Protein backbone atom coordinates (compact mmCIF):
# COMPACT_ATOMS: atom_id res chain seq x y z
CA UNK A 1 -7.66 -30.36 -45.04
CA UNK A 2 -4.55 -31.29 -43.11
CA UNK A 3 -1.34 -31.74 -45.02
CA UNK A 4 -0.12 -34.24 -42.41
CA UNK A 5 -1.83 -37.30 -40.99
CA UNK A 6 -0.82 -37.20 -37.36
CA UNK A 7 -1.20 -40.36 -35.26
CA UNK A 8 -4.04 -40.10 -32.73
CA UNK A 9 -1.71 -40.54 -29.72
CA UNK A 10 0.45 -37.63 -30.92
CA UNK A 11 -2.61 -35.42 -31.44
CA UNK A 12 -3.88 -36.38 -27.97
CA UNK A 13 -0.51 -35.59 -26.36
CA UNK A 14 -0.39 -32.21 -28.12
CA UNK A 15 -3.93 -31.35 -27.00
CA UNK A 16 -3.10 -32.43 -23.43
CA UNK A 17 -0.02 -30.19 -23.59
CA UNK A 18 -2.18 -27.21 -24.64
CA UNK A 19 -4.74 -27.90 -21.92
CA UNK A 20 -2.16 -28.45 -19.19
CA UNK A 21 -0.30 -25.27 -20.14
CA UNK A 22 -3.54 -23.28 -20.00
CA UNK A 23 -4.47 -24.77 -16.61
CA UNK A 24 -0.99 -24.02 -15.26
CA UNK A 25 -1.10 -20.41 -16.46
CA UNK A 26 -4.53 -19.93 -14.87
CA UNK A 27 -3.31 -21.46 -11.61
CA UNK A 28 -0.18 -19.30 -11.62
CA UNK A 29 -2.31 -16.13 -11.60
CA UNK A 30 -3.58 -17.12 -8.13
CA UNK A 31 -0.09 -17.48 -6.63
CA UNK A 32 1.95 -14.90 -4.72
CA UNK A 33 4.44 -13.03 -6.89
CA UNK A 34 7.43 -14.84 -5.32
CA UNK A 35 7.82 -18.51 -4.48
CA UNK A 36 9.82 -17.71 -1.32
CA UNK A 37 8.82 -15.05 1.23
CA UNK A 38 10.12 -11.72 -0.04
CA UNK A 39 9.76 -8.15 1.15
CA UNK A 40 7.78 -5.78 -1.02
CA UNK A 41 9.30 -2.80 -2.74
CA UNK A 42 8.45 0.58 -4.22
CA UNK A 43 10.10 2.02 -7.30
CA UNK A 44 11.21 5.56 -7.95
CA UNK A 45 8.76 8.19 -9.13
CA UNK A 46 8.85 8.43 -12.90
CA UNK A 47 9.41 11.71 -14.74
CA UNK A 48 6.13 13.53 -15.58
CA UNK A 49 4.08 11.05 -13.58
CA UNK A 50 3.03 10.52 -10.01
CA UNK A 51 2.95 6.74 -10.51
CA UNK A 52 5.29 4.60 -8.47
CA UNK A 53 5.54 0.91 -9.26
CA UNK A 54 5.38 -1.34 -6.22
CA UNK A 55 4.86 -4.84 -4.92
CA UNK A 56 3.37 -5.85 -1.59
CA UNK A 57 5.21 -8.34 0.61
CA UNK A 58 5.02 -11.88 -0.75
CA UNK A 59 4.27 -14.63 1.77
CA UNK A 60 5.77 -17.20 -0.63
CA UNK A 61 4.07 -20.39 -1.75
CA UNK A 62 2.44 -22.75 0.70
CA UNK A 63 3.57 -26.38 0.61
CA UNK A 64 0.40 -27.24 -1.31
CA UNK A 65 1.00 -24.48 -3.88
CA UNK A 66 4.63 -25.52 -4.37
CA UNK A 67 3.55 -29.15 -4.81
CA UNK A 68 0.91 -28.15 -7.37
CA UNK A 69 3.43 -26.06 -9.34
CA UNK A 70 5.86 -29.00 -9.32
CA UNK A 71 3.08 -31.33 -10.50
CA UNK A 72 2.18 -29.01 -13.37
CA UNK A 73 5.83 -28.60 -14.40
CA UNK A 74 6.46 -32.35 -14.31
CA UNK A 75 3.36 -33.00 -16.44
CA UNK A 76 4.35 -30.28 -18.92
CA UNK A 77 7.84 -31.76 -19.21
CA UNK A 78 6.43 -35.26 -19.69
CA UNK A 79 4.02 -34.12 -22.43
CA UNK A 80 6.69 -32.01 -24.15
CA UNK A 81 9.01 -35.00 -24.30
CA UNK A 82 6.20 -37.24 -25.56
CA UNK A 83 5.37 -34.83 -28.37
CA UNK A 84 8.91 -33.95 -29.39
CA UNK A 85 10.28 -37.51 -29.39
CA UNK A 86 7.29 -39.22 -30.98
CA UNK A 87 8.31 -41.72 -33.71
CA UNK A 88 6.10 -39.83 -36.21
CA UNK A 89 8.79 -37.16 -36.60
CA UNK A 90 11.14 -39.73 -38.15
CA UNK A 91 8.69 -40.05 -41.06
CA UNK A 92 8.83 -36.32 -41.83
CA UNK A 93 11.63 -34.91 -43.97
CA UNK A 94 14.07 -32.95 -41.79
CA UNK A 95 13.39 -29.78 -43.78
CA UNK A 96 9.66 -30.06 -43.18
CA UNK A 97 9.63 -30.78 -39.46
CA UNK A 98 9.13 -27.19 -38.37
CA UNK A 99 6.13 -26.83 -40.68
CA UNK A 100 4.74 -30.18 -39.46
CA UNK A 101 5.27 -29.17 -35.83
CA UNK A 102 3.40 -25.93 -36.40
CA UNK A 103 0.59 -27.83 -38.11
CA UNK A 104 0.33 -30.20 -35.14
CA UNK A 105 -0.09 -27.27 -32.77
CA UNK A 106 -3.28 -26.34 -34.66
CA UNK A 107 -4.51 -29.83 -35.56
CA UNK A 108 -7.12 -29.78 -32.78
CA UNK A 109 -8.77 -26.63 -34.15
CA UNK A 110 -11.91 -27.02 -36.26
CA UNK A 111 -11.28 -26.96 -40.02
CA UNK A 112 -12.21 -23.71 -41.75
CA UNK A 113 -15.04 -23.92 -44.27
């Protein structure tokens, strides 16, 4: 049972924040390693190993990729502000806000039996 009764709009904003963050992280794995075109590099050989770290040349982000990253970041900022400035937090004792915030992060998970 939850110790806090979170308003539905706050729970929805927190869940949207989780989902948007996950979608952004998945999208980011498809992007080049640098936003701007950058030359690749190769590191020095490490002691007792033949491995050399390296990166291929990065073509940079396309206009569409840059726009999508900006859209994700704007949405994440909007949701973060919505969650952190929600009026609910005024009803929680200052000393208990960290605990309440942590509880909200897990409020969407199914209750354990």
